[in-house]
């Protein structure tokens, strides 16, 4: 699904954030990217989204070099990215409206694109029908995040990128949305890459965890997927938590 070879990236007048970086993600896997502030987590996500481009190296998705944003890559940002003047229903259907505008050009919309399920389906699936005519300022943070998820899933993505999407939510809402995200990824066979600064969230969501620092490392977490929330109370969870905490401190 994702194949990165010898990637380097840095902002002007600064040291490289990523240098000779290699990474491989198989279709259907759930990955959490963990690391301290400034290590390049969000930068890597934007590179995968085609919003930034490497100074050196290659990013391939589904065997194709990434040269622009991919129509089948969904990106959900920390601030939800909702239009404040549009209702929940209008926000959920925005992506499909944009694709209709461009037509099936292969650049903004895949050829022969037919959404498997429309925005109305996802509003119902995510429990948003009762607030569909309200504006983002009139609904809760959890409802805003579900609206962003509905808008993304209406486009039938195969790769879902999320940038600290639950960081501003209360603990119960955050856990509920983590569980929902994993369930949807399993149901839709989505590949998930989620950026987080929280060790607990990385273990809850990633069946594999990429610890991003000067020497990136991968940690296997086979129970951290498919909605296995009981994993939080297991000895394996505590052991991995302590290991990641130690690695981040060092």
C-alpha atoms as a PDB file:
ATOM      1  CA  UNK A   1       0.000   0.000   0.000  1.00  0.00           C
ATOM      2  CA  UNK A   2       2.625   2.551   1.133  1.00  0.00           C
ATOM      3  CA  UNK A   3       6.280   2.183   0.233  1.00  0.00           C
ATOM      4  CA  UNK A   4       8.758   4.919   1.173  1.00  0.00           C
ATOM      5  CA  UNK A   5      12.355   4.663   0.046  1.00  0.00           C
ATOM      6  CA  UNK A   6      15.291   6.863   1.126  1.00  0.00           C
ATOM      7  CA  UNK A   7      13.054   9.839   1.875  1.00  0.00           C
ATOM      8  CA  UNK A   8      14.539  13.120   3.072  1.00  0.00           C
ATOM      9  CA  UNK A   9      12.659  16.304   3.930  1.00  0.00           C
ATOM     10  CA  UNK A  10      13.438  19.551   5.691  1.00  0.00           C
ATOM     11  CA  UNK A  11      12.021  23.057   5.880  1.00  0.00           C
ATOM     12  CA  UNK A  12      14.088  25.993   4.589  1.00  0.00           C
ATOM     13  CA  UNK A  13      16.969  27.098   6.831  1.00  0.00           C
ATOM     14  CA  UNK A  14      16.514  24.157   9.221  1.00  0.00           C
ATOM     15  CA  UNK A  15      18.115  20.766   9.680  1.00  0.00           C
ATOM     16  CA  UNK A  16      16.341  17.866   7.895  1.00  0.00           C
ATOM     17  CA  UNK A  17      13.393  16.481   9.808  1.00  0.00           C
ATOM     18  CA  UNK A  18      13.446  13.171   7.941  1.00  0.00           C
ATOM     19  CA  UNK A  19      16.617  11.771   6.424  1.00  0.00           C
ATOM     20  CA  UNK A  20      17.075   8.541   4.440  1.00  0.00           C
ATOM     21  CA  UNK A  21      13.752   7.318   5.866  1.00  0.00           C
ATOM     22  CA  UNK A  22      12.303   3.965   4.752  1.00  0.00           C
ATOM     23  CA  UNK A  23       8.873   2.593   5.642  1.00  0.00           C
ATOM     24  CA  UNK A  24       6.376   0.046   4.351  1.00  0.00           C
ATOM     25  CA  UNK A  25       2.688  -0.262   5.154  1.00  0.00           C
ATOM     26  CA  UNK A  26       0.563  -3.152   3.889  1.00  0.00           C
ATOM     27  CA  UNK A  27      -3.052  -2.750   2.832  1.00  0.00           C
ATOM     28  CA  UNK A  28      -5.519  -2.987   5.705  1.00  0.00           C
ATOM     29  CA  UNK A  29      -2.960  -2.352   8.451  1.00  0.00           C
ATOM     30  CA  UNK A  30      -3.525   0.156  11.234  1.00  0.00           C
ATOM     31  CA  UNK A  31      -0.472   2.229  12.112  1.00  0.00           C
ATOM     32  CA  UNK A  32       0.057   4.813  14.840  1.00  0.00           C
ATOM     33  CA  UNK A  33       2.894   7.326  14.438  1.00  0.00           C
ATOM     34  CA  UNK A  34       4.236   8.338  17.836  1.00  0.00           C
ATOM     35  CA  UNK A  35       6.961  10.768  18.812  1.00  0.00           C
ATOM     36  CA  UNK A  36       7.861  13.955  20.627  1.00  0.00           C
ATOM     37  CA  UNK A  37       6.880  17.407  19.363  1.00  0.00           C
ATOM     38  CA  UNK A  38       8.873  18.482  16.319  1.00  0.00           C
ATOM     39  CA  UNK A  39       9.961  14.967  15.308  1.00  0.00           C
ATOM     40  CA  UNK A  40       8.124  15.130  11.968  1.00  0.00           C
ATOM     41  CA  UNK A  41       4.896  13.188  12.656  1.00  0.00           C
ATOM     42  CA  UNK A  42       2.550  15.666  10.980  1.00  0.00           C
ATOM     43  CA  UNK A  43       5.103  16.401   8.257  1.00  0.00           C
ATOM     44  CA  UNK A  44       5.184  12.692   7.360  1.00  0.00           C
ATOM     45  CA  UNK A  45       1.382  12.630   7.242  1.00  0.00           C
ATOM     46  CA  UNK A  46       1.327  15.638   4.887  1.00  0.00           C
ATOM     47  CA  UNK A  47       3.910  13.930   2.688  1.00  0.00           C
ATOM     48  CA  UNK A  48       1.650  10.871   2.503  1.00  0.00           C
ATOM     49  CA  UNK A  49      -1.288  13.128   1.639  1.00  0.00           C
ATOM     50  CA  UNK A  50       0.637  14.714  -1.242  1.00  0.00           C
ATOM     51  CA  UNK A  51       0.492  18.157   0.385  1.00  0.00           C
ATOM     52  CA  UNK A  52       4.271  18.322   0.725  1.00  0.00           C
ATOM     53  CA  UNK A  53       6.975  16.691  -1.362  1.00  0.00           C
ATOM     54  CA  UNK A  54      10.308  15.115  -0.371  1.00  0.00           C
ATOM     55  CA  UNK A  55      13.648  16.716  -1.135  1.00  0.00           C
ATOM     56  CA  UNK A  56      14.910  13.230  -1.995  1.00  0.00           C
ATOM     57  CA  UNK A  57      13.531   9.703  -2.156  1.00  0.00           C
ATOM     58  CA  UNK A  58      10.268   8.216  -3.360  1.00  0.00           C
ATOM     59  CA  UNK A  59       6.797   7.738  -1.896  1.00  0.00           C
ATOM     60  CA  UNK A  60       4.704   5.075  -3.618  1.00  0.00           C
ATOM     61  CA  UNK A  61       1.074   4.313  -2.855  1.00  0.00           C
ATOM     62  CA  UNK A  62      -0.429   1.280  -4.550  1.00  0.00           C
ATOM     63  CA  UNK A  63       2.703   1.055  -6.683  1.00  0.00           C
ATOM     64  CA  UNK A  64       2.332   4.595  -8.079  1.00  0.00           C
ATOM     65  CA  UNK A  65       4.769   7.425  -7.246  1.00  0.00           C
ATOM     66  CA  UNK A  66       2.960  10.114  -5.259  1.00  0.00           C
ATOM     67  CA  UNK A  67       3.126  13.397  -7.184  1.00  0.00           C
ATOM     68  CA  UNK A  68      -0.113  15.055  -6.059  1.00  0.00           C
ATOM     69  CA  UNK A  69      -2.943  14.435  -3.571  1.00  0.00           C
ATOM     70  CA  UNK A  70      -4.583  11.072  -4.303  1.00  0.00           C
ATOM     71  CA  UNK A  71      -8.361  10.956  -4.837  1.00  0.00           C
ATOM     72  CA  UNK A  72      -8.681   7.852  -2.654  1.00  0.00           C
ATOM     73  CA  UNK A  73      -6.675   9.162   0.294  1.00  0.00           C
ATOM     74  CA  UNK A  74      -8.765  10.616   3.106  1.00  0.00           C
ATOM     75  CA  UNK A  75      -7.238  13.174   5.493  1.00  0.00           C
ATOM     76  CA  UNK A  76      -8.834  14.167   8.803  1.00  0.00           C
ATOM     77  CA  UNK A  77      -7.207  17.062  10.637  1.00  0.00           C
ATOM     78  CA  UNK A  78      -7.068  17.938  14.313  1.00  0.00           C
ATOM     79  CA  UNK A  79      -9.444  20.898  13.877  1.00  0.00           C
ATOM     80  CA  UNK A  80     -11.914  18.793  11.822  1.00  0.00           C
ATOM     81  CA  UNK A  81     -11.699  21.084   8.743  1.00  0.00           C
ATOM     82  CA  UNK A  82     -15.438  21.851   8.709  1.00  0.00           C
ATOM     83  CA  UNK A  83     -16.898  24.933   7.028  1.00  0.00           C
ATOM     84  CA  UNK A  84     -18.478  27.016   9.835  1.00  0.00           C
ATOM     85  CA  UNK A  85     -21.171  28.454   7.543  1.00  0.00           C
ATOM     86  CA  UNK A  86     -22.297  25.020   6.298  1.00  0.00           C
ATOM     87  CA  UNK A  87     -24.607  22.603   8.086  1.00  0.00           C
ATOM     88  CA  UNK A  88     -23.558  19.134   9.180  1.00  0.00           C
ATOM     89  CA  UNK A  89     -25.338  17.681   6.127  1.00  0.00           C
ATOM     90  CA  UNK A  90     -23.621  20.152   3.776  1.00  0.00           C
ATOM     91  CA  UNK A  91     -20.224  19.495   5.324  1.00  0.00           C
ATOM     92  CA  UNK A  92     -20.690  15.730   5.032  1.00  0.00           C
ATOM     93  CA  UNK A  93     -21.497  16.028   1.335  1.00  0.00           C
ATOM     94  CA  UNK A  94     -18.837  18.609   0.500  1.00  0.00           C
ATOM     95  CA  UNK A  95     -16.251  16.154  -0.843  1.00  0.00           C
ATOM     96  CA  UNK A  96     -18.739  14.567  -3.230  1.00  0.00           C
ATOM     97  CA  UNK A  97     -19.838  18.007  -4.389  1.00  0.00           C
ATOM     98  CA  UNK A  98     -16.226  18.949  -5.187  1.00  0.00           C
ATOM     99  CA  UNK A  99     -15.720  15.699  -7.106  1.00  0.00           C
ATOM    100  CA  UNK A 100     -18.860  16.314  -9.131  1.00  0.00           C
ATOM    101  CA  UNK A 101     -17.489  19.737 -10.047  1.00  0.00           C
ATOM    102  CA  UNK A 102     -14.249  18.305 -11.450  1.00  0.00           C
ATOM    103  CA  UNK A 103     -15.798  15.213 -13.013  1.00  0.00           C
ATOM    104  CA  UNK A 104     -14.006  11.916 -13.548  1.00  0.00           C
ATOM    105  CA  UNK A 105     -10.673  13.453 -14.537  1.00  0.00           C
ATOM    106  CA  UNK A 106      -8.513  10.874 -12.759  1.00  0.00           C
ATOM    107  CA  UNK A 107      -6.743  13.657 -10.889  1.00  0.00           C
ATOM    108  CA  UNK A 108      -9.398  14.894  -8.483  1.00  0.00           C
ATOM    109  CA  UNK A 109     -11.817  12.018  -8.975  1.00  0.00           C
ATOM    110  CA  UNK A 110     -11.000   8.409  -9.867  1.00  0.00           C
ATOM    111  CA  UNK A 111     -12.134   7.176 -13.258  1.00  0.00           C
ATOM    112  CA  UNK A 112     -15.526   5.454 -13.110  1.00  0.00           C
ATOM    113  CA  UNK A 113     -15.969   6.692  -9.536  1.00  0.00           C
ATOM    114  CA  UNK A 114     -19.168   5.571  -7.873  1.00  0.00           C
ATOM    115  CA  UNK A 115     -19.340   6.101  -4.105  1.00  0.00           C
ATOM    116  CA  UNK A 116     -20.268   2.895  -2.365  1.00  0.00           C
ATOM    117  CA  UNK A 117     -22.355   4.786   0.204  1.00  0.00           C
ATOM    118  CA  UNK A 118     -23.379   8.434   0.045  1.00  0.00           C
ATOM    119  CA  UNK A 119     -23.171  11.129   2.713  1.00  0.00           C
ATOM    120  CA  UNK A 120     -26.721  10.438   3.930  1.00  0.00           C
ATOM    121  CA  UNK A 121     -25.763   6.846   4.685  1.00  0.00           C
ATOM    122  CA  UNK A 122     -22.815   7.977   6.785  1.00  0.00           C
ATOM    123  CA  UNK A 123     -24.867  10.607   8.626  1.00  0.00           C
ATOM    124  CA  UNK A 124     -27.201   7.798   9.683  1.00  0.00           C
ATOM    125  CA  UNK A 125     -24.381   5.331  10.386  1.00  0.00           C
ATOM    126  CA  UNK A 126     -22.576   7.830  12.618  1.00  0.00           C
ATOM    127  CA  UNK A 127     -25.675   8.996  14.476  1.00  0.00           C
ATOM    128  CA  UNK A 128     -25.779  12.513  13.047  1.00  0.00           C
ATOM    129  CA  UNK A 129     -29.293  12.683  11.605  1.00  0.00           C
ATOM    130  CA  UNK A 130     -30.658  14.648  14.553  1.00  0.00           C
ATOM    131  CA  UNK A 131     -28.044  17.399  14.114  1.00  0.00           C
ATOM    132  CA  UNK A 132     -27.838  17.324  10.312  1.00  0.00           C
ATOM    133  CA  UNK A 133     -29.274  20.846   9.927  1.00  0.00           C
ATOM    134  CA  UNK A 134     -27.146  22.392  12.655  1.00  0.00           C
ATOM    135  CA  UNK A 135     -23.861  24.250  12.167  1.00  0.00           C
ATOM    136  CA  UNK A 136     -20.481  23.141  13.581  1.00  0.00           C
ATOM    137  CA  UNK A 137     -20.648  25.790  16.325  1.00  0.00           C
ATOM    138  CA  UNK A 138     -23.941  24.276  17.525  1.00  0.00           C
ATOM    139  CA  UNK A 139     -22.724  20.706  18.041  1.00  0.00           C
ATOM    140  CA  UNK A 140     -20.240  18.956  20.311  1.00  0.00           C
ATOM    141  CA  UNK A 141     -16.608  18.183  19.522  1.00  0.00           C
ATOM    142  CA  UNK A 142     -17.433  14.503  19.130  1.00  0.00           C
ATOM    143  CA  UNK A 143     -20.222  15.318  16.671  1.00  0.00           C
ATOM    144  CA  UNK A 144     -17.880  17.582  14.694  1.00  0.00           C
ATOM    145  CA  UNK A 145     -15.339  14.776  14.483  1.00  0.00           C
ATOM    146  CA  UNK A 146     -17.997  12.312  13.317  1.00  0.00           C
ATOM    147  CA  UNK A 147     -19.047  14.836  10.670  1.00  0.00           C
ATOM    148  CA  UNK A 148     -15.462  14.979   9.400  1.00  0.00           C
ATOM    149  CA  UNK A 149     -15.372  11.175   9.326  1.00  0.00           C
ATOM    150  CA  UNK A 150     -18.682  11.048   7.417  1.00  0.00           C
ATOM    151  CA  UNK A 151     -17.396  13.519   4.817  1.00  0.00           C
ATOM    152  CA  UNK A 152     -14.248  11.433   4.315  1.00  0.00           C
ATOM    153  CA  UNK A 153     -15.914   8.006   4.167  1.00  0.00           C
ATOM    154  CA  UNK A 154     -18.472   9.261   1.622  1.00  0.00           C
ATOM    155  CA  UNK A 155     -15.537   9.471  -0.834  1.00  0.00           C
ATOM    156  CA  UNK A 156     -14.843   5.718  -0.516  1.00  0.00           C
ATOM    157  CA  UNK A 157     -11.169   6.076   0.475  1.00  0.00           C
ATOM    158  CA  UNK A 158      -8.788   3.150   0.755  1.00  0.00           C
ATOM    159  CA  UNK A 159      -6.235   5.051   2.879  1.00  0.00           C
ATOM    160  CA  UNK A 160      -7.231   7.107   5.924  1.00  0.00           C
ATOM    161  CA  UNK A 161      -4.763   9.608   7.412  1.00  0.00           C
ATOM    162  CA  UNK A 162      -5.614  11.209  10.769  1.00  0.00           C
ATOM    163  CA  UNK A 163      -3.667  13.957  12.531  1.00  0.00           C
ATOM    164  CA  UNK A 164      -4.286  13.837  16.311  1.00  0.00           C
ATOM    165  CA  UNK A 165      -8.030  13.754  15.655  1.00  0.00           C
ATOM    166  CA  UNK A 166      -9.180  13.095  19.225  1.00  0.00           C
ATOM    167  CA  UNK A 167      -6.765  15.215  21.254  1.00  0.00           C
ATOM    168  CA  UNK A 168      -9.281  17.940  22.186  1.00  0.00           C
ATOM    169  CA  UNK A 169     -12.058  15.559  23.264  1.00  0.00           C
ATOM    170  CA  UNK A 170     -12.961  14.324  26.732  1.00  0.00           C
ATOM    171  CA  UNK A 171     -11.793  10.847  27.734  1.00  0.00           C
ATOM    172  CA  UNK A 172     -15.089   8.991  27.182  1.00  0.00           C
ATOM    173  CA  UNK A 173     -15.808  10.614  23.799  1.00  0.00           C
ATOM    174  CA  UNK A 174     -12.205   9.954  22.760  1.00  0.00           C
ATOM    175  CA  UNK A 175     -12.445   6.245  23.607  1.00  0.00           C
ATOM    176  CA  UNK A 176     -15.797   5.928  21.834  1.00  0.00           C
ATOM    177  CA  UNK A 177     -14.416   7.528  18.655  1.00  0.00           C
ATOM    178  CA  UNK A 178     -11.258   5.422  18.789  1.00  0.00           C
ATOM    179  CA  UNK A 179     -13.420   2.315  18.903  1.00  0.00           C
ATOM    180  CA  UNK A 180     -15.628   3.646  16.101  1.00  0.00           C
ATOM    181  CA  UNK A 181     -12.602   4.407  13.917  1.00  0.00           C
ATOM    182  CA  UNK A 182     -11.195   0.908  14.314  1.00  0.00           C
ATOM    183  CA  UNK A 183     -14.595  -0.655  13.599  1.00  0.00           C
ATOM    184  CA  UNK A 184     -15.038   1.416  10.431  1.00  0.00           C
ATOM    185  CA  UNK A 185     -11.524   0.615   9.211  1.00  0.00           C
ATOM    186  CA  UNK A 186     -12.166  -3.111   9.644  1.00  0.00           C
ATOM    187  CA  UNK A 187     -15.600  -2.881   8.015  1.00  0.00           C
ATOM    188  CA  UNK A 188     -14.384  -0.832   5.019  1.00  0.00           C
ATOM    189  CA  UNK A 189     -10.947  -2.510   4.730  1.00  0.00           C
ATOM    190  CA  UNK A 190      -9.219   0.838   5.190  1.00  0.00           C
ATOM    191  CA  UNK A 191      -5.516   1.294   5.764  1.00  0.00           C
ATOM    192  CA  UNK A 192      -5.154   3.638   8.745  1.00  0.00           C
ATOM    193  CA  UNK A 193      -2.226   5.905   9.619  1.00  0.00           C
ATOM    194  CA  UNK A 194      -2.881   8.044  12.675  1.00  0.00           C
ATOM    195  CA  UNK A 195      -0.533  10.589  14.233  1.00  0.00           C
ATOM    196  CA  UNK A 196      -0.663  10.937  17.999  1.00  0.00           C
ATOM    197  CA  UNK A 197       1.478  12.283  20.831  1.00  0.00           C
ATOM    198  CA  UNK A 198      -0.209   9.987  23.372  1.00  0.00           C
ATOM    199  CA  UNK A 199       1.294   6.565  24.090  1.00  0.00           C
ATOM    200  CA  UNK A 200      -2.085   5.239  25.270  1.00  0.00           C
ATOM    201  CA  UNK A 201      -3.764   6.195  22.006  1.00  0.00           C
ATOM    202  CA  UNK A 202      -0.977   4.715  19.900  1.00  0.00           C
ATOM    203  CA  UNK A 203      -1.341   1.361  21.668  1.00  0.00           C
ATOM    204  CA  UNK A 204      -5.153   1.466  21.465  1.00  0.00           C
ATOM    205  CA  UNK A 205      -5.235   2.182  17.714  1.00  0.00           C
ATOM    206  CA  UNK A 206      -2.095   0.852  16.067  1.00  0.00           C
ATOM    207  CA  UNK A 207      -1.488  -2.804  15.362  1.00  0.00           C
ATOM    208  CA  UNK A 208       1.947  -1.422  14.511  1.00  0.00           C
ATOM    209  CA  UNK A 209       3.522   1.661  16.060  1.00  0.00           C
ATOM    210  CA  UNK A 210       6.161   3.785  14.367  1.00  0.00           C
ATOM    211  CA  UNK A 211       8.236   5.658  16.932  1.00  0.00           C
ATOM    212  CA  UNK A 212       9.591   8.585  14.983  1.00  0.00           C
ATOM    213  CA  UNK A 213      12.847  10.129  16.147  1.00  0.00           C
ATOM    214  CA  UNK A 214      16.455  10.280  14.971  1.00  0.00           C
ATOM    215  CA  UNK A 215      16.398   6.484  14.689  1.00  0.00           C
ATOM    216  CA  UNK A 216      12.829   5.436  13.738  1.00  0.00           C
ATOM    217  CA  UNK A 217      11.684   2.082  15.117  1.00  0.00           C
ATOM    218  CA  UNK A 218       8.628  -0.121  14.656  1.00  0.00           C
ATOM    219  CA  UNK A 219       6.860  -1.867  17.543  1.00  0.00           C
ATOM    220  CA  UNK A 220       4.420  -4.716  16.960  1.00  0.00           C
ATOM    221  CA  UNK A 221       1.108  -4.458  18.788  1.00  0.00           C
ATOM    222  CA  UNK A 222      -1.078  -7.315  17.476  1.00  0.00           C
ATOM    223  CA  UNK A 223      -3.968  -6.643  19.870  1.00  0.00           C
ATOM    224  CA  UNK A 224      -4.156  -2.946  19.051  1.00  0.00           C
ATOM    225  CA  UNK A 225      -6.765  -3.255  16.310  1.00  0.00           C
ATOM    226  CA  UNK A 226     -10.265  -4.479  15.471  1.00  0.00           C
ATOM    227  CA  UNK A 227     -11.784  -2.630  18.425  1.00  0.00           C
ATOM    228  CA  UNK A 228     -10.161  -4.777  21.139  1.00  0.00           C
ATOM    229  CA  UNK A 229     -10.603  -2.110  23.820  1.00  0.00           C
ATOM    230  CA  UNK A 230     -10.091  -4.683  26.601  1.00  0.00           C
ATOM    231  CA  UNK A 231      -6.449  -4.628  25.519  1.00  0.00           C
ATOM    232  CA  UNK A 232      -6.107  -1.496  27.662  1.00  0.00           C
ATOM    233  CA  UNK A 233      -6.361  -3.615  30.817  1.00  0.00           C
ATOM    234  CA  UNK A 234      -3.974  -6.373  29.759  1.00  0.00           C
ATOM    235  CA  UNK A 235      -0.389  -7.021  30.935  1.00  0.00           C
ATOM    236  CA  UNK A 236       0.760  -6.728  27.300  1.00  0.00           C
ATOM    237  CA  UNK A 237      -0.626  -3.196  27.145  1.00  0.00           C
ATOM    238  CA  UNK A 238       1.225  -2.137  30.293  1.00  0.00           C
ATOM    239  CA  UNK A 239       4.465  -3.742  29.128  1.00  0.00           C
ATOM    240  CA  UNK A 240       4.339  -2.001  25.741  1.00  0.00           C
ATOM    241  CA  UNK A 241       3.374   1.290  27.384  1.00  0.00           C
ATOM    242  CA  UNK A 242       6.409   1.207  29.662  1.00  0.00           C
ATOM    243  CA  UNK A 243       8.696   0.222  26.781  1.00  0.00           C
ATOM    244  CA  UNK A 244       7.492   3.090  24.574  1.00  0.00           C
ATOM    245  CA  UNK A 245       7.707   5.540  27.460  1.00  0.00           C
ATOM    246  CA  UNK A 246      11.300   4.500  28.111  1.00  0.00           C
ATOM    247  CA  UNK A 247      12.213   4.719  24.420  1.00  0.00           C
ATOM    248  CA  UNK A 248      10.706   8.208  24.099  1.00  0.00           C
ATOM    249  CA  UNK A 249      12.568   9.428  27.180  1.00  0.00           C
ATOM    250  CA  UNK A 250      15.870   8.108  25.875  1.00  0.00           C
END
